[in-house]
Amino acid sequence: MMSKLTTQHKWILVLLVFVLVNAAVWMWGLAPALKRVQAAHGELDQTEQRRDRLQQQLEQLNAIDCEALGEQQVLLNPRVPEQGLLREFIHGLVDMAEVAGMPLPSVSISLPTEVEPYDSVTLTTTVQGNYKQVKDFLIALEEHERLILIRNYSIGGTAGDLSCTISFSIFAEGFEQLTPNEAGGRTNPFEDR
C-alpha cells in the first residue's frame, strides 16, 4: 500500500505538511509576537511624545525670569495688602470725596468673601455733585494704590447735578471681622456692667 504513492504524491504531501506547519507557526507563534511588537512600538511612540511635551514644558519653566516675578510681587503687595485695612480704606474714600468737593453720604460694606487666593469685600456708595466732582472722584478711585474691581455703577441726572452709585471690591489676604461692639469708638449698650 505504501508503494502506491508516487514520488509526485510524496512531494505534494511534504509540501502540504510544510505549509500546515508554517501556517501553525504563523498563527500561534509569529502573529501574536508581531502584534506585541507593534503594541510596544505604539507605547514607545506615546512615551517619546510625552517626553517631548515635558521637555518643552521644562524649557518654558526654565525660561521664566523669577527675579522679574519677584519684583512684580513687590510692586503688587501694596495693591493687595496682608491685612484688610478696611477702616483706613474708608477714611481714604471719605478723603477722596472731600477732595472732589462732595460729601460721601453712606457706604455699605459686605461681609468678606473668599476669592482665591485672597479675601474680598464689596463696598457700595453713592456720590452726588456736578460733572467735574463726580469725574474727579472716579479718577481718584481708579488711580487708588489698592487693587479695586468695579462690580457695578450707574450715573444719572444732569451735568450740574449728577448722582453716581458705584459698587466695587477691594482685596486683602485677610480682613478683620469686628462686631459693632468691638469696633473702635463704640460701646455695647447690652454689655454687662
N, C-alpha and C. Protein backbone atom coordinates (compact mmCIF):
# COMPACT_ATOMS: atom_id res chain seq x y z
N MET A 1 0.81 -1.18 0.00
CA MET A 1 0.00 0.00 0.00
C MET A 1 0.86 1.26 0.00
N MET A 2 1.94 1.17 0.63
CA MET A 2 2.83 2.30 0.66
C MET A 2 3.44 2.56 -0.71
N SER A 3 3.57 1.55 -1.40
CA SER A 3 4.19 1.70 -2.70
C SER A 3 3.27 2.35 -3.70
N LYS A 4 2.01 2.48 -3.39
CA LYS A 4 1.08 3.09 -4.31
C LYS A 4 1.30 4.59 -4.42
N LEU A 5 1.96 5.25 -3.46
CA LEU A 5 2.23 6.69 -3.53
C LEU A 5 3.39 6.91 -4.49
N THR A 6 3.11 7.73 -5.39
CA THR A 6 4.16 8.05 -6.34
C THR A 6 5.03 9.15 -5.76
N THR A 7 6.10 9.42 -6.42
CA THR A 7 7.03 10.45 -5.97
C THR A 7 6.34 11.81 -5.99
N GLN A 8 5.53 11.99 -6.97
CA GLN A 8 4.80 13.27 -7.08
C GLN A 8 3.86 13.44 -5.90
N HIS A 9 3.16 12.38 -5.49
CA HIS A 9 2.24 12.44 -4.35
C HIS A 9 3.02 12.70 -3.05
N LYS A 10 4.19 12.07 -2.96
CA LYS A 10 5.01 12.27 -1.76
C LYS A 10 5.43 13.73 -1.65
N TRP A 11 5.81 14.32 -2.77
CA TRP A 11 6.21 15.73 -2.74
C TRP A 11 5.02 16.64 -2.39
N ILE A 12 3.86 16.30 -2.90
CA ILE A 12 2.66 17.10 -2.57
C ILE A 12 2.36 16.99 -1.08
N LEU A 13 2.50 15.77 -0.52
CA LEU A 13 2.28 15.60 0.92
C LEU A 13 3.31 16.38 1.74
N VAL A 14 4.55 16.32 1.30
CA VAL A 14 5.59 17.06 2.01
C VAL A 14 5.29 18.56 1.96
N LEU A 15 4.90 19.06 0.78
CA LEU A 15 4.56 20.49 0.65
C LEU A 15 3.36 20.85 1.52
N LEU A 16 2.37 19.97 1.52
CA LEU A 16 1.17 20.22 2.32
C LEU A 16 1.53 20.27 3.81
N VAL A 17 2.35 19.33 4.29
CA VAL A 17 2.77 19.33 5.70
C VAL A 17 3.60 20.59 5.98
N PHE A 18 4.49 20.95 5.04
CA PHE A 18 5.30 22.15 5.22
C PHE A 18 4.43 23.41 5.34
N VAL A 19 3.42 23.52 4.47
CA VAL A 19 2.50 24.67 4.51
C VAL A 19 1.71 24.67 5.82
N LEU A 20 1.24 23.50 6.26
CA LEU A 20 0.47 23.43 7.50
C LEU A 20 1.35 23.79 8.71
N VAL A 21 2.58 23.32 8.73
CA VAL A 21 3.49 23.65 9.84
C VAL A 21 3.77 25.15 9.84
N ASN A 22 4.03 25.74 8.67
CA ASN A 22 4.28 27.18 8.60
C ASN A 22 3.04 27.98 9.03
N ALA A 23 1.86 27.53 8.60
CA ALA A 23 0.62 28.23 9.00
C ALA A 23 0.44 28.17 10.52
N ALA A 24 0.73 26.98 11.09
CA ALA A 24 0.59 26.83 12.55
C ALA A 24 1.60 27.71 13.28
N VAL A 25 2.83 27.73 12.80
CA VAL A 25 3.85 28.58 13.42
C VAL A 25 3.44 30.05 13.31
N TRP A 26 2.92 30.45 12.16
CA TRP A 26 2.49 31.84 11.97
C TRP A 26 1.34 32.19 12.90
N MET A 27 0.33 31.31 12.94
CA MET A 27 -0.90 31.61 13.71
C MET A 27 -0.62 31.66 15.21
N TRP A 28 0.17 30.69 15.70
CA TRP A 28 0.33 30.62 17.16
C TRP A 28 1.66 31.17 17.66
N GLY A 29 2.55 31.49 16.78
CA GLY A 29 3.85 31.98 17.22
C GLY A 29 4.18 33.38 16.76
N LEU A 30 4.28 33.56 15.45
CA LEU A 30 4.76 34.84 14.92
C LEU A 30 3.71 35.95 14.96
N ALA A 31 2.47 35.66 14.60
CA ALA A 31 1.44 36.71 14.55
C ALA A 31 1.24 37.37 15.92
N PRO A 32 1.07 36.60 17.01
CA PRO A 32 0.92 37.26 18.31
C PRO A 32 2.17 38.04 18.71
N ALA A 33 3.35 37.49 18.35
CA ALA A 33 4.59 38.19 18.69
C ALA A 33 4.67 39.51 17.93
N LEU A 34 4.27 39.52 16.65
CA LEU A 34 4.27 40.76 15.87
C LEU A 34 3.28 41.78 16.44
N LYS A 35 2.12 41.31 16.89
CA LYS A 35 1.14 42.23 17.50
C LYS A 35 1.71 42.86 18.77
N ARG A 36 2.41 42.05 19.57
CA ARG A 36 3.03 42.58 20.79
C ARG A 36 4.13 43.59 20.45
N VAL A 37 4.88 43.31 19.40
CA VAL A 37 5.93 44.25 18.97
C VAL A 37 5.30 45.56 18.49
N GLN A 38 4.20 45.47 17.71
CA GLN A 38 3.53 46.69 17.25
C GLN A 38 2.97 47.48 18.43
N ALA A 39 2.39 46.80 19.41
CA ALA A 39 1.87 47.49 20.60
C ALA A 39 3.01 48.16 21.36
N ALA A 40 4.15 47.47 21.46
CA ALA A 40 5.30 48.07 22.14
C ALA A 40 5.80 49.30 21.39
N HIS A 41 5.81 49.25 20.05
CA HIS A 41 6.20 50.42 19.26
C HIS A 41 5.24 51.59 19.50
N GLY A 42 3.93 51.28 19.57
CA GLY A 42 2.94 52.33 19.84
C GLY A 42 3.16 52.97 21.20
N GLU A 43 3.41 52.16 22.22
CA GLU A 43 3.67 52.68 23.57
C GLU A 43 4.95 53.50 23.59
N LEU A 44 5.96 53.04 22.85
CA LEU A 44 7.22 53.78 22.77
C LEU A 44 7.01 55.15 22.13
N ASP A 45 6.20 55.19 21.05
CA ASP A 45 5.90 56.47 20.39
C ASP A 45 5.17 57.42 21.35
N GLN A 46 4.18 56.89 22.09
CA GLN A 46 3.46 57.73 23.05
C GLN A 46 4.38 58.24 24.14
N THR A 47 5.26 57.38 24.63
CA THR A 47 6.20 57.79 25.67
C THR A 47 7.15 58.86 25.16
N GLU A 48 7.61 58.72 23.91
CA GLU A 48 8.51 59.73 23.35
C GLU A 48 7.79 61.06 23.16
N GLN A 49 6.52 61.01 22.71
CA GLN A 49 5.75 62.25 22.56
C GLN A 49 5.54 62.92 23.92
N ARG A 50 5.24 62.13 24.94
CA ARG A 50 5.05 62.69 26.29
C ARG A 50 6.36 63.29 26.79
N ARG A 51 7.49 62.58 26.54
CA ARG A 51 8.80 63.10 26.93
C ARG A 51 9.09 64.42 26.24
N ASP A 52 8.74 64.53 24.93
CA ASP A 52 8.97 65.78 24.20
C ASP A 52 8.13 66.92 24.78
N ARG A 53 6.85 66.62 25.11
CA ARG A 53 5.99 67.66 25.72
C ARG A 53 6.54 68.11 27.06
N LEU A 54 6.97 67.15 27.89
CA LEU A 54 7.54 67.50 29.19
C LEU A 54 8.83 68.30 29.03
N GLN A 55 9.61 67.97 28.02
CA GLN A 55 10.85 68.71 27.75
C GLN A 55 10.53 70.15 27.38
N GLN A 56 9.49 70.35 26.54
CA GLN A 56 9.09 71.71 26.18
C GLN A 56 8.60 72.48 27.40
N GLN A 57 7.81 71.82 28.25
CA GLN A 57 7.33 72.48 29.46
C GLN A 57 8.49 72.84 30.38
N LEU A 58 9.47 71.96 30.48
CA LEU A 58 10.64 72.25 31.31
C LEU A 58 11.40 73.44 30.76
N GLU A 59 11.54 73.52 29.44
CA GLU A 59 12.22 74.67 28.84
C GLU A 59 11.45 75.96 29.10
N GLN A 60 10.11 75.89 29.03
CA GLN A 60 9.31 77.08 29.33
C GLN A 60 9.48 77.49 30.78
N LEU A 61 9.47 76.52 31.70
CA LEU A 61 9.64 76.84 33.11
C LEU A 61 11.03 77.41 33.39
N ASN A 62 12.04 76.86 32.72
CA ASN A 62 13.39 77.37 32.91
C ASN A 62 13.54 78.78 32.35
N ALA A 63 12.71 79.14 31.36
CA ALA A 63 12.79 80.45 30.74
C ALA A 63 12.14 81.55 31.60
N ILE A 64 11.38 81.17 32.63
CA ILE A 64 10.70 82.15 33.47
C ILE A 64 11.73 82.92 34.28
N ASP A 65 11.59 84.22 34.26
CA ASP A 65 12.52 85.09 34.99
C ASP A 65 11.97 85.29 36.40
N CYS A 66 12.49 84.51 37.34
CA CYS A 66 12.00 84.54 38.72
C CYS A 66 12.26 85.90 39.38
N GLU A 67 13.35 86.53 39.03
CA GLU A 67 13.66 87.83 39.63
C GLU A 67 12.62 88.87 39.21
N ALA A 68 12.23 88.85 37.92
CA ALA A 68 11.21 89.79 37.45
C ALA A 68 9.88 89.53 38.13
N LEU A 69 9.53 88.25 38.33
CA LEU A 69 8.28 87.92 39.04
C LEU A 69 8.33 88.40 40.48
N GLY A 70 9.50 88.26 41.11
CA GLY A 70 9.65 88.75 42.49
C GLY A 70 9.47 90.26 42.56
N GLU A 71 10.01 90.97 41.57
CA GLU A 71 9.85 92.43 41.53
C GLU A 71 8.39 92.80 41.32
N GLN A 72 7.69 92.06 40.46
CA GLN A 72 6.26 92.33 40.26
C GLN A 72 5.48 92.09 41.55
N GLN A 73 5.85 91.04 42.28
CA GLN A 73 5.16 90.76 43.53
C GLN A 73 5.37 91.89 44.53
N VAL A 74 6.58 92.40 44.58
CA VAL A 74 6.86 93.52 45.49
C VAL A 74 6.01 94.73 45.11
N LEU A 75 5.85 94.97 43.81
CA LEU A 75 5.04 96.10 43.35
C LEU A 75 3.56 95.89 43.65
N LEU A 76 3.10 94.62 43.59
CA LEU A 76 1.68 94.35 43.82
C LEU A 76 1.33 94.28 45.30
N ASN A 77 2.29 94.08 46.17
CA ASN A 77 1.98 93.95 47.60
C ASN A 77 1.18 95.13 48.15
N PRO A 78 1.51 96.40 47.81
CA PRO A 78 0.66 97.47 48.33
C PRO A 78 -0.76 97.42 47.77
N ARG A 79 -0.93 96.84 46.58
CA ARG A 79 -2.25 96.79 45.96
C ARG A 79 -3.14 95.76 46.61
N VAL A 80 -2.56 94.68 47.14
CA VAL A 80 -3.30 93.66 47.87
C VAL A 80 -2.57 93.43 49.19
N PRO A 81 -2.93 94.20 50.21
CA PRO A 81 -2.18 94.12 51.48
C PRO A 81 -2.45 92.83 52.23
N GLU A 82 -1.58 92.57 53.19
CA GLU A 82 -1.73 91.37 54.01
C GLU A 82 -2.98 91.47 54.88
N GLN A 83 -3.15 92.60 55.54
CA GLN A 83 -4.35 92.83 56.33
C GLN A 83 -5.28 93.76 55.56
N GLY A 84 -6.58 93.61 55.79
CA GLY A 84 -7.57 94.34 55.01
C GLY A 84 -7.50 95.84 55.09
N LEU A 85 -7.10 96.39 56.25
CA LEU A 85 -7.04 97.84 56.44
C LEU A 85 -8.32 98.52 55.97
N LEU A 86 -9.45 97.93 56.35
CA LEU A 86 -10.75 98.42 55.88
C LEU A 86 -11.05 99.82 56.41
N ARG A 87 -10.76 100.03 57.69
CA ARG A 87 -11.03 101.36 58.26
C ARG A 87 -10.21 102.43 57.56
N GLU A 88 -8.93 102.11 57.30
CA GLU A 88 -8.06 103.07 56.61
C GLU A 88 -8.57 103.34 55.20
N PHE A 89 -9.06 102.29 54.54
CA PHE A 89 -9.56 102.48 53.19
C PHE A 89 -10.80 103.38 53.19
N ILE A 90 -11.69 103.18 54.15
CA ILE A 90 -12.91 104.00 54.22
C ILE A 90 -12.56 105.45 54.52
N HIS A 91 -11.60 105.68 55.43
CA HIS A 91 -11.15 107.05 55.69
C HIS A 91 -10.60 107.67 54.41
N GLY A 92 -9.82 106.89 53.65
CA GLY A 92 -9.29 107.39 52.38
C GLY A 92 -10.39 107.68 51.38
N LEU A 93 -11.44 106.86 51.38
CA LEU A 93 -12.58 107.08 50.48
C LEU A 93 -13.30 108.39 50.82
N VAL A 94 -13.47 108.63 52.11
CA VAL A 94 -14.09 109.89 52.56
C VAL A 94 -13.20 111.07 52.14
N ASP A 95 -11.89 110.92 52.32
CA ASP A 95 -10.97 111.99 51.91
C ASP A 95 -11.04 112.24 50.40
N MET A 96 -11.14 111.18 49.60
CA MET A 96 -11.24 111.34 48.14
C MET A 96 -12.50 112.12 47.78
N ALA A 97 -13.60 111.81 48.45
CA ALA A 97 -14.84 112.53 48.17
C ALA A 97 -14.71 114.00 48.58
N GLU A 98 -14.07 114.27 49.72
CA GLU A 98 -13.89 115.65 50.16
C GLU A 98 -12.99 116.42 49.21
N VAL A 99 -11.92 115.78 48.71
CA VAL A 99 -11.03 116.44 47.75
C VAL A 99 -11.80 116.77 46.47
N ALA A 100 -12.73 115.87 46.08
CA ALA A 100 -13.55 116.14 44.89
C ALA A 100 -14.62 117.19 45.17
N GLY A 101 -14.79 117.58 46.44
CA GLY A 101 -15.72 118.64 46.79
C GLY A 101 -17.15 118.18 46.98
N MET A 102 -17.35 116.96 47.40
CA MET A 102 -18.71 116.47 47.63
C MET A 102 -18.72 115.52 48.82
N PRO A 103 -19.86 115.41 49.48
CA PRO A 103 -19.93 114.53 50.65
C PRO A 103 -20.08 113.07 50.21
N LEU A 104 -19.70 112.20 51.10
CA LEU A 104 -19.90 110.76 50.90
C LEU A 104 -20.97 110.35 51.90
N PRO A 105 -22.25 110.34 51.49
CA PRO A 105 -23.34 110.17 52.46
C PRO A 105 -23.33 108.83 53.18
N SER A 106 -23.06 107.75 52.48
CA SER A 106 -23.07 106.44 53.14
C SER A 106 -22.24 105.45 52.33
N VAL A 107 -21.78 104.44 53.05
CA VAL A 107 -21.04 103.35 52.42
C VAL A 107 -21.57 102.06 53.02
N SER A 108 -22.02 101.15 52.17
CA SER A 108 -22.42 99.84 52.69
C SER A 108 -21.32 98.85 52.34
N ILE A 109 -21.07 97.94 53.29
CA ILE A 109 -19.94 97.03 53.18
C ILE A 109 -20.45 95.60 53.34
N SER A 110 -20.07 94.73 52.41
CA SER A 110 -20.48 93.33 52.51
C SER A 110 -19.53 92.58 53.44
N LEU A 111 -19.95 91.39 53.83
CA LEU A 111 -19.06 90.53 54.61
C LEU A 111 -17.93 90.04 53.70
N PRO A 112 -16.76 89.78 54.25
CA PRO A 112 -15.66 89.28 53.43
C PRO A 112 -16.01 87.92 52.81
N THR A 113 -15.67 87.78 51.55
CA THR A 113 -15.84 86.50 50.86
C THR A 113 -14.49 86.07 50.31
N GLU A 114 -14.33 84.78 50.17
CA GLU A 114 -13.05 84.26 49.69
C GLU A 114 -13.05 84.24 48.17
N VAL A 115 -12.05 84.88 47.59
CA VAL A 115 -11.82 84.87 46.15
C VAL A 115 -10.37 84.44 46.00
N GLU A 116 -10.19 83.16 45.73
CA GLU A 116 -8.82 82.59 45.73
C GLU A 116 -7.84 83.47 44.98
N PRO A 117 -6.70 83.77 45.50
CA PRO A 117 -6.15 83.36 46.79
C PRO A 117 -6.38 84.40 47.88
N TYR A 118 -7.26 85.39 47.64
CA TYR A 118 -7.46 86.49 48.59
C TYR A 118 -8.86 86.47 49.17
N ASP A 119 -9.10 87.42 50.07
CA ASP A 119 -10.44 87.71 50.56
C ASP A 119 -10.89 89.01 49.91
N SER A 120 -12.18 89.13 49.71
CA SER A 120 -12.73 90.31 49.03
C SER A 120 -13.86 90.90 49.85
N VAL A 121 -13.95 92.23 49.85
CA VAL A 121 -15.06 92.94 50.47
C VAL A 121 -15.63 93.88 49.41
N THR A 122 -16.96 93.86 49.26
CA THR A 122 -17.61 94.73 48.28
C THR A 122 -18.21 95.92 49.02
N LEU A 123 -17.92 97.12 48.51
CA LEU A 123 -18.43 98.36 49.09
C LEU A 123 -19.35 99.02 48.06
N THR A 124 -20.40 99.65 48.54
CA THR A 124 -21.32 100.37 47.66
C THR A 124 -21.54 101.75 48.25
N THR A 125 -21.46 102.77 47.39
CA THR A 125 -21.67 104.14 47.84
C THR A 125 -22.31 104.95 46.72
N THR A 126 -22.90 106.05 47.09
CA THR A 126 -23.48 106.98 46.13
C THR A 126 -22.87 108.34 46.39
N VAL A 127 -22.40 108.98 45.32
CA VAL A 127 -21.88 110.34 45.44
C VAL A 127 -22.71 111.24 44.55
N GLN A 128 -22.86 112.51 45.00
CA GLN A 128 -23.65 113.47 44.23
C GLN A 128 -22.85 114.75 44.08
N GLY A 129 -22.88 115.28 42.89
CA GLY A 129 -22.17 116.53 42.62
C GLY A 129 -22.27 116.87 41.14
N ASN A 130 -21.50 117.88 40.74
CA ASN A 130 -21.53 118.23 39.33
C ASN A 130 -20.62 117.26 38.56
N TYR A 131 -20.56 117.44 37.25
CA TYR A 131 -19.81 116.52 36.38
C TYR A 131 -18.35 116.43 36.80
N LYS A 132 -17.70 117.56 37.05
CA LYS A 132 -16.27 117.56 37.39
C LYS A 132 -16.03 116.86 38.72
N GLN A 133 -16.89 117.09 39.71
CA GLN A 133 -16.71 116.46 41.01
C GLN A 133 -16.81 114.94 40.92
N VAL A 134 -17.85 114.46 40.21
CA VAL A 134 -18.02 113.01 40.07
C VAL A 134 -16.86 112.42 39.27
N LYS A 135 -16.45 113.13 38.22
CA LYS A 135 -15.32 112.66 37.40
C LYS A 135 -14.05 112.59 38.25
N ASP A 136 -13.76 113.62 39.04
CA ASP A 136 -12.56 113.63 39.89
C ASP A 136 -12.59 112.48 40.90
N PHE A 137 -13.76 112.21 41.47
CA PHE A 137 -13.88 111.10 42.42
C PHE A 137 -13.61 109.77 41.73
N LEU A 138 -14.19 109.56 40.55
CA LEU A 138 -13.99 108.30 39.83
C LEU A 138 -12.54 108.12 39.40
N ILE A 139 -11.89 109.18 38.98
CA ILE A 139 -10.47 109.10 38.60
C ILE A 139 -9.62 108.77 39.82
N ALA A 140 -9.92 109.41 40.96
CA ALA A 140 -9.17 109.11 42.19
C ALA A 140 -9.37 107.65 42.60
N LEU A 141 -10.58 107.14 42.43
CA LEU A 141 -10.85 105.74 42.75
C LEU A 141 -10.09 104.82 41.79
N GLU A 142 -10.06 105.19 40.53
CA GLU A 142 -9.37 104.39 39.51
C GLU A 142 -7.86 104.37 39.75
N GLU A 143 -7.31 105.47 40.23
CA GLU A 143 -5.86 105.58 40.44
C GLU A 143 -5.44 105.21 41.85
N HIS A 144 -6.35 104.66 42.63
CA HIS A 144 -6.04 104.31 44.02
C HIS A 144 -4.93 103.27 44.05
N GLU A 145 -4.11 103.33 45.12
CA GLU A 145 -2.98 102.40 45.22
C GLU A 145 -3.42 100.96 45.46
N ARG A 146 -4.63 100.75 45.98
CA ARG A 146 -5.15 99.40 46.21
C ARG A 146 -5.76 98.86 44.93
N LEU A 147 -5.79 97.55 44.81
CA LEU A 147 -6.45 96.89 43.70
C LEU A 147 -7.96 97.00 43.93
N ILE A 148 -8.65 97.65 43.00
CA ILE A 148 -10.09 97.87 43.12
C ILE A 148 -10.75 97.30 41.86
N LEU A 149 -11.78 96.48 42.07
CA LEU A 149 -12.52 95.89 40.96
C LEU A 149 -13.94 96.46 40.98
N ILE A 150 -14.29 97.21 39.93
CA ILE A 150 -15.62 97.80 39.83
C ILE A 150 -16.61 96.69 39.51
N ARG A 151 -17.63 96.53 40.33
CA ARG A 151 -18.64 95.49 40.13
C ARG A 151 -19.84 96.04 39.34
N ASN A 152 -20.24 97.26 39.69
CA ASN A 152 -21.45 97.81 39.07
C ASN A 152 -21.45 99.32 39.33
N TYR A 153 -21.97 100.07 38.38
CA TYR A 153 -22.12 101.51 38.61
C TYR A 153 -23.28 102.03 37.77
N SER A 154 -23.84 103.13 38.22
CA SER A 154 -24.89 103.81 37.45
C SER A 154 -24.75 105.30 37.69
N ILE A 155 -24.96 106.06 36.64
CA ILE A 155 -24.85 107.52 36.71
C ILE A 155 -26.15 108.08 36.15
N GLY A 156 -26.70 109.04 36.83
CA GLY A 156 -27.93 109.67 36.37
C GLY A 156 -27.96 111.14 36.75
N GLY A 157 -28.84 111.89 36.13
CA GLY A 157 -29.00 113.31 36.43
C GLY A 157 -28.54 114.17 35.28
N THR A 158 -28.24 115.42 35.60
CA THR A 158 -27.76 116.37 34.59
C THR A 158 -26.30 116.70 34.89
N ALA A 159 -25.66 117.41 33.96
CA ALA A 159 -24.24 117.73 34.14
C ALA A 159 -24.00 118.54 35.40
N GLY A 160 -24.96 119.34 35.83
CA GLY A 160 -24.80 120.15 37.03
C GLY A 160 -25.16 119.41 38.30
N ASP A 161 -25.93 118.33 38.19
CA ASP A 161 -26.37 117.58 39.37
C ASP A 161 -26.42 116.09 39.03
N LEU A 162 -25.25 115.45 39.16
CA LEU A 162 -25.14 114.02 38.86
C LEU A 162 -25.22 113.21 40.14
N SER A 163 -25.74 112.01 39.99
CA SER A 163 -25.74 111.05 41.08
C SER A 163 -25.10 109.78 40.54
N CYS A 164 -24.07 109.31 41.24
CA CYS A 164 -23.34 108.12 40.79
C CYS A 164 -23.32 107.09 41.92
N THR A 165 -23.93 105.93 41.65
CA THR A 165 -23.89 104.82 42.59
C THR A 165 -22.88 103.82 42.05
N ILE A 166 -21.95 103.47 42.90
CA ILE A 166 -20.86 102.59 42.45
C ILE A 166 -20.65 101.48 43.47
N SER A 167 -20.48 100.27 42.95
CA SER A 167 -20.21 99.10 43.77
C SER A 167 -18.88 98.52 43.32
N PHE A 168 -17.95 98.34 44.28
CA PHE A 168 -16.62 97.86 43.92
C PHE A 168 -16.08 96.97 45.03
N SER A 169 -15.08 96.18 44.67
CA SER A 169 -14.48 95.25 45.64
C SER A 169 -13.02 95.61 45.84
N ILE A 170 -12.58 95.42 47.09
CA ILE A 170 -11.16 95.52 47.41
C ILE A 170 -10.71 94.16 47.93
N PHE A 171 -9.42 93.91 47.86
CA PHE A 171 -8.88 92.60 48.19
C PHE A 171 -7.79 92.71 49.25
N ALA A 172 -7.64 91.64 50.01
CA ALA A 172 -6.57 91.54 51.00
C ALA A 172 -6.37 90.06 51.31
N GLU A 173 -5.27 89.76 51.96
CA GLU A 173 -5.05 88.38 52.35
C GLU A 173 -5.98 87.98 53.49
N GLY A 174 -6.50 88.97 54.21
CA GLY A 174 -7.45 88.70 55.28
C GLY A 174 -8.03 90.00 55.79
N PHE A 175 -9.29 89.98 56.19
CA PHE A 175 -9.96 91.15 56.75
C PHE A 175 -10.32 90.84 58.19
N GLU A 176 -10.14 91.85 59.07
CA GLU A 176 -10.60 91.69 60.45
C GLU A 176 -12.12 91.76 60.44
N GLN A 177 -12.74 90.84 61.14
CA GLN A 177 -14.19 90.84 61.19
C GLN A 177 -14.62 91.28 62.59
N LEU A 178 -14.77 92.59 62.75
CA LEU A 178 -15.14 93.15 64.05
C LEU A 178 -16.65 93.24 64.15
N THR A 179 -17.17 92.86 65.28
CA THR A 179 -18.59 93.08 65.53
C THR A 179 -18.75 94.54 65.94
N PRO A 180 -19.96 95.11 65.83
CA PRO A 180 -20.13 96.54 66.15
C PRO A 180 -19.64 96.93 67.54
N ASN A 181 -19.79 96.05 68.53
CA ASN A 181 -19.36 96.45 69.87
C ASN A 181 -17.85 96.36 70.03
N GLU A 182 -17.14 95.71 69.08
CA GLU A 182 -15.69 95.66 69.15
C GLU A 182 -15.05 96.76 68.33
N ALA A 183 -15.82 97.41 67.47
CA ALA A 183 -15.26 98.45 66.61
C ALA A 183 -14.80 99.62 67.48
N GLY A 184 -13.74 100.25 67.05
CA GLY A 184 -13.17 101.35 67.82
C GLY A 184 -14.13 102.50 68.01
N GLY A 185 -14.18 103.09 69.21
CA GLY A 185 -15.01 104.25 69.47
C GLY A 185 -16.46 103.94 69.78
N ARG A 186 -16.82 102.65 69.89
CA ARG A 186 -18.22 102.31 70.17
C ARG A 186 -18.28 101.53 71.48
N THR A 187 -19.42 101.66 72.11
CA THR A 187 -19.65 100.87 73.33
C THR A 187 -20.89 100.01 73.10
N ASN A 188 -20.93 98.90 73.78
CA ASN A 188 -22.05 97.98 73.64
C ASN A 188 -23.04 98.27 74.75
N PRO A 189 -24.27 98.72 74.41
CA PRO A 189 -25.25 99.05 75.46
C PRO A 189 -25.77 97.81 76.19
N PHE A 190 -25.60 96.63 75.60
CA PHE A 190 -26.13 95.42 76.19
C PHE A 190 -25.08 94.68 77.02
N GLU A 191 -23.92 95.27 77.10
CA GLU A 191 -22.83 94.64 77.83
C GLU A 191 -23.14 94.68 79.33
N ASP A 192 -22.76 93.57 80.03
CA ASP A 192 -22.97 93.55 81.49
C ASP A 192 -22.11 94.59 82.16
N ARG A 193 -22.71 95.32 83.07
CA ARG A 193 -21.95 96.37 83.76
C ARG A 193 -21.73 96.01 85.18
